Amino acid sequence: MQRGNTMTGWRNRITRHFVFGSIILVGMMGLSLALASVGAAQEVPAEGTVAEAPADASGQAGPTIESVAQSASDLTFAVNNITLFICAVLVIFMQAGFAMVEVGLNSAKNVVNILAKNLLDFALGVVLFFAIGYAIMYPGFADDGGSGEFFKVDAGRIMAISDWDGSSTLHPQVDFLFQVAFAATAATIVSGAVAGRMKLGAYLIYTAVLTGFVYPVSGSWKWGYGWLHDMGFHDFAGSVVVHAVGGFAGLAGAMLLGPRIGRYAADGRSVALPGHNITFTTLGVFILLIGWYGFNPGSQLAFADPANAGTVMTVAVNTTLAACTGALAALVLAWIMFGKPDLGMALNGMLGGLVGITANCDCVSNISALIIGAVAGVLVLLAVVALDKLKIDDPVGAFPVHGVCGIWGGLAAAFFGGKALMPQLVGTAVICAWAFLTMVLLFSILKAIGVFRVPAEEEKTGLDLSHHGMQAYPAEALHGAVAEAQR
């Protein structure tokens, strides 16, 4: 018992000494820090001077304020440019989405032709936009808010991309890559509207004219600081500038080509010509949805600071909301009208919602985005029905999705985004009319000289064999697979 009491006493004394010593040690450290702070305060340089950075362990001076600022600027430049590059790649990836949508909604006998068009309009479009389109679309109009320029060509951008001047926030090379991806998108929209009956040569001529002249001219009116920009027309990412141009060009092509053989009976009755693979179409729509996250958020063109990053995130959420309500609205309306939940209509409704939000995604609320997408989904279905009544054959619904919903997107910027209505009306009407009338003229010329529509026998056989001498699904391969499975 005594041994236990003795040990307890020693433990208590040791504990008291340890606590007392710790208090003294902490107090001495606090005093040292206070003295150091006073000394440092006494060494603060006079106002207007820059303190030299303390030397590191090797005796070298540390980073200066100027070097830190330069490093931050370099980092911002890198983030902005790399992010825009990724967005450009996403937009280019949309070419695959358009190809899959069009392939799935058309006959198997035209798959190779459709894939060829989607490859070649990108390849040719990039070359033509580099050669002359970029110089027309960004001609050096003054951003003075009232000069009202209509047409100009920047000679320095003909077959050339300028060097970086060291001050601009985007490198000219990545800026071109992002812009040319948009030009290719405008061109490829038409492919679906004219599928199965347009000669490949005529399609390539159209692509050259659209990407080298038609799209750049109207694009310069808004994004090149031309007269529509000066008027106050708002189109954040291209509901009108890109999608309506492609949609109205497609309408001109579909009207002048006439319907596919067998699309309408002798008595005028509509005859459905269903596509051959709804799986491809669904995959294509999801690819386009993913690509739209480059299309819309990328159009902010700056990402590295909180304000721009916040806008990018808002744009992305609005894009998602509109896409989903577009799909739902089209599905529900088709269900009511036709008695069945039509997947094809839902897919086009999603695309319509994406097109409808593209012009205004930066200036509307999340709730407004839901409404804009839903209205777009309804418009897609109504426009498909209207074209059918007018005997205009648009196999993939290119005009309802891109033309009609492109108009809606431009106007919705006024209805929901607070933009002035008159500039939105004028800009939307003028750009749509420009695309439609120039393409009517071009297609009329091609039709007059006999290079527009394929002969009836080639159309019946399919453009894969008549134009390309090959098939996407060779009978020999199918038979071989069956024989292999039976062994």
Protein backbone atom coordinates (compact mmCIF):
# COMPACT_ATOMS: atom_id res chain seq x y z
CA MET A 1 0.00 0.00 0.00
CA GLN A 2 2.86 2.42 0.95
CA ARG A 3 4.74 1.51 -2.24
CA GLY A 4 1.68 2.44 -4.28
CA ASN A 5 1.33 5.82 -2.49
CA THR A 6 5.00 6.64 -3.04
CA MET A 7 4.79 5.88 -6.74
CA THR A 8 1.66 8.01 -7.05
CA GLY A 9 3.42 10.96 -5.40
CA TRP A 10 6.38 10.74 -7.79
CA ARG A 11 4.06 10.62 -10.78
CA ASN A 12 2.23 13.74 -9.58
CA ARG A 13 5.47 15.67 -9.07
CA ILE A 14 6.78 14.69 -12.52
CA THR A 15 3.51 15.73 -14.15
CA ARG A 16 3.59 19.15 -12.40
CA HIS A 17 7.19 19.75 -13.50
CA PHE A 18 6.42 18.72 -17.07
CA VAL A 19 3.42 21.06 -17.33
CA PHE A 20 5.35 23.94 -15.78
CA GLY A 21 8.27 23.38 -18.17
CA SER A 22 5.97 23.23 -21.17
CA ILE A 23 4.38 26.54 -20.22
CA ILE A 24 7.77 28.20 -19.98
CA LEU A 25 8.87 26.73 -23.33
CA VAL A 26 5.71 27.89 -25.12
CA GLY A 27 6.08 31.35 -23.60
CA MET A 28 9.67 31.64 -24.83
CA MET A 29 8.65 30.56 -28.34
CA GLY A 30 5.85 33.17 -28.39
CA LEU A 31 8.25 35.88 -27.30
CA SER A 32 10.71 34.89 -30.02
CA LEU A 33 8.02 35.05 -32.68
CA ALA A 34 6.85 38.43 -31.47
CA LEU A 35 10.37 39.82 -31.62
CA ALA A 36 10.83 38.38 -35.11
CA SER A 37 7.61 40.02 -36.26
CA VAL A 38 8.74 43.38 -34.94
CA GLY A 39 12.03 42.99 -36.76
CA ALA A 40 10.33 42.03 -39.99
CA ALA A 41 7.96 44.98 -39.71
CA GLN A 42 10.90 47.31 -39.30
CA GLU A 43 12.33 45.99 -42.59
CA VAL A 44 9.18 46.64 -44.71
CA PRO A 45 10.28 48.77 -47.71
CA ALA A 46 8.98 52.26 -48.17
CA GLU A 47 5.82 52.78 -50.22
CA GLY A 48 6.46 52.54 -53.95
CA THR A 49 9.40 50.15 -53.64
CA VAL A 50 9.51 46.41 -54.21
CA ALA A 51 11.10 44.19 -51.62
CA GLU A 52 13.82 41.87 -52.74
CA ALA A 53 12.87 38.23 -52.40
CA PRO A 54 14.79 36.43 -49.65
CA ALA A 55 17.58 34.17 -50.73
CA ASP A 56 17.05 30.45 -50.66
CA ALA A 57 19.40 27.90 -49.12
CA SER A 58 21.77 28.15 -52.10
CA GLY A 59 22.07 31.91 -51.82
CA GLN A 60 19.95 32.57 -54.95
CA ALA A 61 17.27 35.27 -54.79
CA GLY A 62 13.70 33.94 -54.56
CA PRO A 63 10.90 34.76 -56.97
CA THR A 64 9.97 38.41 -57.42
CA ILE A 65 6.47 39.83 -57.58
CA GLU A 66 6.89 40.29 -61.31
CA SER A 67 7.92 36.67 -61.86
CA VAL A 68 5.02 35.38 -59.77
CA ALA A 69 2.59 37.51 -61.79
CA GLN A 70 4.10 36.25 -65.03
CA SER A 71 3.77 32.66 -63.87
CA ALA A 72 0.11 33.24 -63.04
CA SER A 73 -0.46 34.80 -66.46
CA ASP A 74 1.26 31.89 -68.16
CA LEU A 75 -0.87 29.41 -66.23
CA THR A 76 -4.07 31.25 -67.19
CA PHE A 77 -3.01 31.25 -70.84
CA ALA A 78 -2.26 27.53 -70.72
CA VAL A 79 -5.55 26.63 -69.03
CA ASN A 80 -7.61 28.73 -71.46
CA ASN A 81 -5.94 27.34 -74.56
CA ILE A 82 -5.79 23.70 -73.53
CA THR A 83 -9.44 23.81 -72.45
CA LEU A 84 -10.49 25.36 -75.75
CA PHE A 85 -8.49 22.71 -77.59
CA ILE A 86 -10.43 19.99 -75.73
CA CYS A 87 -13.69 21.75 -76.59
CA ALA A 88 -12.67 21.89 -80.26
CA VAL A 89 -12.01 18.14 -80.21
CA LEU A 90 -15.46 17.56 -78.71
CA VAL A 91 -17.08 19.60 -81.48
CA ILE A 92 -15.12 17.66 -84.12
CA PHE A 93 -16.30 14.45 -82.45
CA MET A 94 -19.85 15.60 -83.26
CA GLN A 95 -19.12 14.61 -86.87
CA ALA A 96 -19.27 11.00 -85.70
CA GLY A 97 -22.58 11.71 -84.00
CA PHE A 98 -24.11 13.24 -87.12
CA ALA A 99 -22.88 10.27 -89.15
CA MET A 100 -24.45 7.73 -86.79
CA VAL A 101 -27.77 9.59 -86.59
CA GLU A 102 -27.98 9.81 -90.38
CA VAL A 103 -26.87 6.23 -90.97
CA GLY A 104 -29.41 4.84 -88.54
CA LEU A 105 -32.34 6.80 -89.98
CA ASN A 106 -31.64 5.79 -93.59
CA SER A 107 -31.58 2.63 -95.67
CA ALA A 108 -28.71 0.18 -95.36
CA LYS A 109 -28.03 0.54 -99.10
CA ASN A 110 -26.80 4.13 -98.56
CA VAL A 111 -24.61 3.71 -95.48
CA VAL A 112 -21.26 3.98 -97.27
CA ASN A 113 -22.41 7.10 -99.13
CA ILE A 114 -23.55 8.76 -95.92
CA LEU A 115 -20.30 7.97 -94.13
CA ALA A 116 -18.33 9.26 -97.12
CA LYS A 117 -20.24 12.55 -97.09
CA ASN A 118 -19.66 13.04 -93.37
CA LEU A 119 -15.96 12.39 -93.80
CA LEU A 120 -15.53 14.49 -96.92
CA ASP A 121 -17.54 17.52 -95.80
CA PHE A 122 -15.23 17.72 -92.79
CA ALA A 123 -12.06 17.24 -94.83
CA LEU A 124 -13.06 19.63 -97.61
CA GLY A 125 -14.67 22.07 -95.20
CA VAL A 126 -11.50 22.40 -93.12
CA VAL A 127 -9.38 23.07 -96.21
CA LEU A 128 -11.81 25.65 -97.65
CA PHE A 129 -12.29 27.42 -94.33
CA PHE A 130 -8.51 27.59 -93.93
CA ALA A 131 -8.06 28.81 -97.49
CA ILE A 132 -10.61 31.62 -97.51
CA GLY A 133 -13.51 31.12 -95.06
CA TYR A 134 -11.56 32.17 -91.96
CA ALA A 135 -10.44 35.36 -93.68
CA ILE A 136 -14.05 36.22 -94.55
CA MET A 137 -15.57 35.32 -91.19
CA TYR A 138 -13.00 37.27 -89.17
CA PRO A 139 -12.06 40.10 -91.52
CA GLY A 140 -11.00 42.67 -88.94
CA PHE A 141 -14.27 44.58 -88.54
CA ALA A 142 -13.94 47.16 -85.79
CA ASP A 143 -15.72 46.35 -82.54
CA ASP A 144 -16.94 49.92 -82.19
CA GLY A 145 -20.64 49.25 -81.75
CA GLY A 146 -21.86 51.18 -84.75
CA SER A 147 -19.79 50.82 -87.89
CA GLY A 148 -22.14 48.29 -89.51
CA GLU A 149 -19.78 46.39 -91.81
CA PHE A 150 -21.23 43.80 -94.21
CA PHE A 151 -18.33 42.23 -96.08
CA LYS A 152 -14.56 42.28 -95.94
CA VAL A 153 -11.64 39.89 -96.35
CA ASP A 154 -8.55 39.82 -94.13
CA ALA A 155 -5.80 39.16 -96.67
CA GLY A 156 -3.46 38.10 -93.88
CA ARG A 157 -5.70 35.13 -93.09
CA ILE A 158 -5.94 33.75 -96.62
CA MET A 159 -4.21 30.36 -96.46
CA ALA A 160 -2.55 31.49 -93.22
CA ILE A 161 -3.00 31.63 -89.46
CA SER A 162 -1.26 34.58 -87.84
CA ASP A 163 1.48 34.22 -85.24
CA TRP A 164 0.73 34.80 -81.58
CA ASP A 165 1.48 38.40 -80.64
CA GLY A 166 2.25 37.59 -77.01
CA SER A 167 -0.68 39.58 -75.66
CA SER A 168 -3.88 37.87 -76.82
CA THR A 169 -5.46 35.41 -74.42
CA LEU A 170 -5.91 32.73 -77.10
CA HIS A 171 -3.31 31.37 -79.47
CA PRO A 172 -4.41 31.87 -83.11
CA GLN A 173 -3.90 28.19 -83.86
CA VAL A 174 -6.40 26.95 -81.26
CA ASP A 175 -8.80 29.74 -82.17
CA PHE A 176 -8.80 28.53 -85.78
CA LEU A 177 -9.28 24.92 -84.72
CA PHE A 178 -12.34 25.80 -82.65
CA GLN A 179 -13.85 27.97 -85.40
CA VAL A 180 -13.29 25.44 -88.20
CA ALA A 181 -15.03 22.76 -86.14
CA PHE A 182 -18.14 24.98 -86.15
CA ALA A 183 -17.92 25.47 -89.91
CA ALA A 184 -17.80 21.72 -90.44
CA THR A 185 -20.88 21.31 -88.23
CA ALA A 186 -22.87 23.76 -90.34
CA ALA A 187 -21.91 21.87 -93.49
CA THR A 188 -22.70 18.35 -92.30
CA ILE A 189 -26.26 19.20 -91.22
CA VAL A 190 -27.38 19.20 -94.85
CA SER A 191 -26.22 15.63 -95.45
CA GLY A 192 -29.21 14.13 -93.66
CA ALA A 193 -31.77 16.26 -95.49
CA VAL A 194 -30.55 15.16 -98.94
CA ALA A 195 -29.67 11.55 -98.08
CA GLY A 196 -30.19 8.81 -100.64
CA ARG A 197 -30.64 10.90 -103.76
CA MET A 198 -28.00 13.62 -104.18
CA LYS A 199 -24.88 13.08 -106.29
CA LEU A 200 -21.65 13.07 -104.32
CA GLY A 201 -20.03 15.61 -106.63
CA ALA A 202 -22.91 18.04 -106.11
CA TYR A 203 -22.64 17.56 -102.37
CA LEU A 204 -18.94 18.40 -102.41
CA ILE A 205 -19.60 21.54 -104.45
CA TYR A 206 -22.21 22.58 -101.91
CA THR A 207 -19.78 21.92 -99.04
CA ALA A 208 -17.11 24.08 -100.64
CA VAL A 209 -19.52 26.97 -101.20
CA LEU A 210 -21.03 26.80 -97.71
CA THR A 211 -17.79 26.55 -95.73
CA GLY A 212 -15.79 28.85 -97.99
CA PHE A 213 -18.37 31.61 -98.47
CA VAL A 214 -21.98 31.34 -97.25
CA TYR A 215 -21.35 30.43 -93.61
CA PRO A 216 -18.35 32.78 -93.20
CA VAL A 217 -20.23 35.79 -94.59
CA SER A 218 -23.21 35.51 -92.25
CA GLY A 219 -20.90 34.45 -89.43
CA SER A 220 -18.91 37.67 -89.86
CA TRP A 221 -22.09 39.71 -89.38
CA LYS A 222 -22.27 38.45 -85.79
CA TRP A 223 -19.05 36.82 -84.58
CA GLY A 224 -16.76 38.87 -86.82
CA TYR A 225 -18.13 42.13 -85.32
CA GLY A 226 -20.22 42.97 -88.38
CA TRP A 227 -23.53 44.78 -88.63
CA LEU A 228 -25.63 42.29 -86.67
CA HIS A 229 -23.18 42.42 -83.79
CA ASP A 230 -23.35 46.20 -83.88
CA MET A 231 -27.16 46.02 -83.85
CA GLY A 232 -27.05 43.94 -80.66
CA PHE A 233 -27.98 40.52 -82.07
CA HIS A 234 -27.16 37.80 -79.54
CA ASP A 235 -26.21 34.25 -80.49
CA PHE A 236 -23.87 32.82 -77.88
CA ALA A 237 -22.88 29.55 -79.56
CA GLY A 238 -24.77 29.36 -82.84
CA SER A 239 -28.45 28.41 -82.79
CA VAL A 240 -28.80 30.74 -85.77
CA VAL A 241 -25.24 31.36 -86.98
CA VAL A 242 -24.46 27.62 -87.25
CA HIS A 243 -27.54 25.44 -86.93
CA ALA A 244 -30.16 27.53 -88.73
CA VAL A 245 -27.70 28.06 -91.60
CA GLY A 246 -27.32 24.29 -91.98
CA GLY A 247 -31.02 23.69 -91.45
CA PHE A 248 -32.18 26.16 -94.10
CA ALA A 249 -29.53 24.98 -96.54
CA GLY A 250 -30.88 21.47 -95.99
CA LEU A 251 -34.43 22.66 -96.60
CA ALA A 252 -33.37 24.18 -99.93
CA GLY A 253 -31.73 20.90 -100.93
CA ALA A 254 -34.70 18.75 -99.91
CA MET A 255 -37.16 20.97 -101.78
CA LEU A 256 -35.21 21.06 -105.03
CA LEU A 257 -34.29 17.39 -104.98
CA GLY A 258 -37.82 16.21 -104.37
CA PRO A 259 -38.76 13.19 -102.24
CA ARG A 260 -37.13 9.79 -102.36
CA ILE A 261 -38.68 7.24 -104.69
CA GLY A 262 -41.57 5.56 -102.89
CA ARG A 263 -41.82 8.20 -100.15
CA TYR A 264 -45.28 9.26 -101.32
CA ALA A 265 -47.89 7.12 -103.08
CA ALA A 266 -49.58 8.15 -106.33
CA ASP A 267 -52.57 9.43 -104.39
CA GLY A 268 -50.31 11.63 -102.25
CA ARG A 269 -50.44 9.38 -99.22
CA SER A 270 -47.32 9.41 -97.05
CA VAL A 271 -45.37 6.15 -97.02
CA ALA A 272 -42.90 5.64 -94.20
CA LEU A 273 -39.36 4.62 -95.21
CA PRO A 274 -37.93 3.65 -91.83
CA GLY A 275 -34.25 3.67 -91.10
CA HIS A 276 -32.35 0.45 -90.75
CA ASN A 277 -30.68 0.81 -87.34
CA ILE A 278 -32.17 2.78 -84.44
CA THR A 279 -29.22 1.67 -82.30
CA PHE A 280 -26.85 3.75 -84.43
CA THR A 281 -29.21 6.71 -84.21
CA THR A 282 -29.40 6.53 -80.43
CA LEU A 283 -25.62 6.25 -80.17
CA GLY A 284 -25.26 9.22 -82.50
CA VAL A 285 -27.55 11.40 -80.39
CA PHE A 286 -25.56 10.62 -77.25
CA ILE A 287 -22.33 11.43 -79.09
CA LEU A 288 -23.84 14.74 -80.17
CA LEU A 289 -24.92 15.46 -76.59
CA ILE A 290 -21.36 14.91 -75.39
CA GLY A 291 -19.99 17.03 -78.23
CA TRP A 292 -22.34 19.85 -77.28
CA TYR A 293 -20.36 20.28 -74.05
CA GLY A 294 -17.58 21.53 -76.28
CA PHE A 295 -19.94 23.48 -78.51
CA ASN A 296 -21.74 25.56 -75.87
CA PRO A 297 -19.39 25.83 -72.86
CA GLY A 298 -16.41 26.23 -75.18
CA SER A 299 -17.97 29.33 -76.71
CA GLN A 300 -17.18 31.22 -73.51
CA LEU A 301 -13.55 31.16 -74.79
CA ALA A 302 -12.12 31.77 -71.30
CA PHE A 303 -12.08 29.36 -68.36
CA ALA A 304 -9.33 30.10 -65.86
CA ASP A 305 -10.97 32.64 -63.51
CA PRO A 306 -13.98 32.26 -61.21
CA ALA A 307 -16.37 34.44 -63.23
CA ASN A 308 -15.74 32.67 -66.53
CA ALA A 309 -15.69 29.25 -64.89
CA GLY A 310 -19.06 29.99 -63.31
CA THR A 311 -20.54 30.98 -66.66
CA VAL A 312 -19.18 27.82 -68.26
CA MET A 313 -20.83 25.67 -65.60
CA THR A 314 -24.15 27.51 -65.98
CA VAL A 315 -23.99 27.04 -69.75
CA ALA A 316 -23.31 23.32 -69.30
CA VAL A 317 -26.24 22.82 -66.91
CA ASN A 318 -28.63 24.81 -69.12
CA THR A 319 -27.53 22.72 -72.10
CA THR A 320 -28.26 19.51 -70.20
CA LEU A 321 -31.65 20.65 -68.93
CA ALA A 322 -32.86 21.78 -72.36
CA ALA A 323 -31.73 18.55 -74.00
CA CYS A 324 -33.66 16.44 -71.50
CA THR A 325 -36.91 18.41 -71.61
CA GLY A 326 -36.69 18.44 -75.40
CA ALA A 327 -36.60 14.66 -75.45
CA LEU A 328 -39.41 14.32 -72.92
CA ALA A 329 -41.70 16.84 -74.60
CA ALA A 330 -41.30 15.25 -78.03
CA LEU A 331 -41.88 11.77 -76.61
CA VAL A 332 -45.02 12.76 -74.68
CA LEU A 333 -46.51 14.66 -77.62
CA ALA A 334 -45.79 11.79 -80.03
CA TRP A 335 -47.39 9.39 -77.54
CA ILE A 336 -50.51 11.56 -77.42
CA MET A 337 -50.71 12.09 -81.18
CA PHE A 338 -49.75 8.63 -82.44
CA GLY A 339 -50.57 6.38 -79.50
CA LYS A 340 -46.99 5.12 -79.10
CA PRO A 341 -43.83 6.48 -77.41
CA ASP A 342 -41.77 7.10 -80.55
CA LEU A 343 -38.06 6.78 -79.77
CA GLY A 344 -37.05 8.51 -82.99
CA MET A 345 -39.10 11.57 -82.09
CA ALA A 346 -37.60 11.60 -78.59
CA LEU A 347 -34.09 11.51 -80.04
CA ASN A 348 -34.81 14.38 -82.42
CA GLY A 349 -36.50 16.19 -79.53
CA MET A 350 -33.27 15.99 -77.56
CA LEU A 351 -31.34 17.42 -80.51
CA GLY A 352 -33.97 20.14 -80.88
CA GLY A 353 -33.57 21.07 -77.23
CA LEU A 354 -29.81 21.31 -77.71
CA VAL A 355 -30.19 23.56 -80.74
CA GLY A 356 -32.80 25.72 -79.01
CA ILE A 357 -30.60 26.45 -75.99
CA THR A 358 -27.41 27.12 -77.94
CA ALA A 359 -28.02 30.83 -78.64
CA ASN A 360 -29.12 31.75 -75.14
CA CYS A 361 -27.51 29.29 -72.72
CA ASP A 362 -25.35 32.03 -71.22
CA CYS A 363 -28.17 34.44 -70.38
CA VAL A 364 -31.14 32.36 -69.20
CA SER A 365 -31.97 30.71 -65.89
CA ASN A 366 -32.13 26.98 -65.28
CA ILE A 367 -35.93 27.11 -65.20
CA SER A 368 -35.96 28.98 -68.51
CA ALA A 369 -33.68 26.33 -69.99
CA LEU A 370 -36.23 23.68 -69.06
CA ILE A 371 -38.96 25.62 -70.86
CA ILE A 372 -36.82 26.40 -73.92
CA GLY A 373 -35.95 22.73 -74.35
CA ALA A 374 -39.56 21.60 -73.94
CA VAL A 375 -40.81 24.09 -76.53
CA ALA A 376 -38.06 22.95 -78.91
CA GLY A 377 -39.14 19.32 -78.52
CA VAL A 378 -42.72 20.23 -79.41
CA LEU A 379 -41.57 22.32 -82.38
CA VAL A 380 -39.53 19.42 -83.77
CA LEU A 381 -42.53 17.11 -83.88
CA LEU A 382 -44.87 19.74 -85.32
CA ALA A 383 -42.32 20.66 -87.99
CA VAL A 384 -41.85 17.00 -88.98
CA VAL A 385 -45.60 16.67 -89.45
CA ALA A 386 -45.75 19.94 -91.41
CA LEU A 387 -42.99 18.88 -93.82
CA ASP A 388 -44.79 15.60 -94.41
CA LYS A 389 -47.99 17.46 -95.27
CA LEU A 390 -46.03 19.64 -97.71
CA LYS A 391 -44.44 16.54 -99.32
CA ILE A 392 -40.92 17.74 -98.43
CA ASP A 393 -38.78 14.69 -97.75
CA ASP A 394 -36.23 15.25 -94.99
CA PRO A 395 -35.14 11.74 -93.95
CA VAL A 396 -33.51 12.69 -90.65
CA GLY A 397 -35.50 15.80 -89.68
CA ALA A 398 -32.57 18.15 -90.28
CA PHE A 399 -34.75 21.18 -90.91
CA PRO A 400 -37.11 20.64 -87.94
CA VAL A 401 -34.16 20.15 -85.58
CA HIS A 402 -31.67 22.71 -86.86
CA GLY A 403 -33.77 25.16 -88.86
CA VAL A 404 -36.93 25.50 -86.77
CA CYS A 405 -35.23 25.10 -83.39
CA GLY A 406 -32.43 27.39 -84.55
CA ILE A 407 -35.02 30.12 -85.07
CA TRP A 408 -36.53 29.34 -81.68
CA GLY A 409 -33.12 29.60 -80.00
CA GLY A 410 -32.51 33.05 -81.46
CA LEU A 411 -35.92 34.33 -80.37
CA ALA A 412 -35.72 32.69 -76.93
CA ALA A 413 -32.72 34.89 -76.15
CA ALA A 414 -35.20 37.79 -76.17
CA PHE A 415 -38.12 35.99 -74.54
CA PHE A 416 -36.10 34.50 -71.66
CA GLY A 417 -32.64 36.08 -71.75
CA GLY A 418 -33.49 39.77 -71.65
CA LYS A 419 -32.08 40.56 -75.08
CA ALA A 420 -33.76 43.17 -77.26
CA LEU A 421 -36.41 41.58 -79.46
CA MET A 422 -35.87 43.55 -82.67
CA PRO A 423 -32.18 42.61 -83.14
CA GLN A 424 -33.10 38.97 -82.50
CA LEU A 425 -35.88 39.09 -85.08
CA VAL A 426 -33.75 40.84 -87.69
CA GLY A 427 -30.63 38.72 -87.14
CA THR A 428 -32.52 35.43 -87.18
CA ALA A 429 -34.56 36.32 -90.27
CA VAL A 430 -31.63 37.68 -92.27
CA ILE A 431 -29.24 34.79 -91.58
CA CYS A 432 -31.91 32.16 -92.36
CA ALA A 433 -32.89 33.95 -95.58
CA TRP A 434 -29.23 34.30 -96.60
CA ALA A 435 -28.57 30.56 -96.21
CA PHE A 436 -31.80 29.50 -97.88
CA LEU A 437 -31.61 31.81 -100.91
CA THR A 438 -27.92 31.24 -101.65
CA MET A 439 -28.44 27.48 -101.49
CA VAL A 440 -31.56 27.65 -103.67
CA LEU A 441 -29.47 29.49 -106.25
CA LEU A 442 -26.60 27.00 -106.05
CA PHE A 443 -28.81 23.90 -106.12
CA SER A 444 -30.85 25.33 -109.00
CA ILE A 445 -27.67 25.74 -111.03
CA LEU A 446 -26.54 22.20 -110.23
CA LYS A 447 -29.98 20.89 -111.15
CA ALA A 448 -30.03 22.81 -114.43
CA ILE A 449 -26.72 21.35 -115.57
CA GLY A 450 -27.77 17.82 -114.61
CA VAL A 451 -25.35 17.09 -111.76
CA PHE A 452 -27.76 17.30 -108.84
CA ARG A 453 -29.87 14.16 -108.36
CA VAL A 454 -28.85 10.58 -109.07
CA PRO A 455 -30.74 8.60 -111.74
CA ALA A 456 -33.74 6.58 -110.57
CA GLU A 457 -32.07 3.22 -111.12
CA GLU A 458 -29.07 4.22 -109.01
CA GLU A 459 -31.34 5.47 -106.24
CA LYS A 460 -33.23 2.18 -106.20
CA THR A 461 -30.04 0.13 -106.15
CA GLY A 462 -28.48 2.33 -103.50
CA LEU A 463 -25.71 4.87 -103.67
CA ASP A 464 -23.22 2.53 -102.01
CA LEU A 465 -22.91 0.34 -105.09
CA SER A 466 -23.57 2.97 -107.77
CA HIS A 467 -21.27 5.63 -106.31
CA HIS A 468 -18.68 3.71 -104.30
CA GLY A 469 -18.74 0.16 -105.61
CA MET A 470 -19.02 -1.30 -102.12
CA GLN A 471 -21.54 -2.08 -99.40
CA ALA A 472 -21.57 -1.48 -95.67
CA TYR A 473 -23.04 -4.94 -95.08
CA PRO A 474 -21.80 -7.23 -97.89
CA ALA A 475 -24.06 -10.21 -98.48
CA GLU A 476 -21.01 -12.44 -98.73
CA ALA A 477 -19.91 -11.48 -95.26
CA LEU A 478 -23.36 -12.10 -93.83
CA HIS A 479 -23.63 -15.47 -95.53
CA GLY A 480 -20.18 -16.39 -94.33
CA ALA A 481 -21.06 -15.54 -90.78
CA VAL A 482 -24.22 -17.67 -90.97
CA ALA A 483 -22.31 -20.60 -92.45
CA GLU A 484 -19.64 -20.30 -89.76
CA ALA A 485 -22.31 -20.32 -87.06
CA GLN A 486 -23.94 -23.46 -88.53
CA ARG A 487 -20.75 -25.50 -88.49
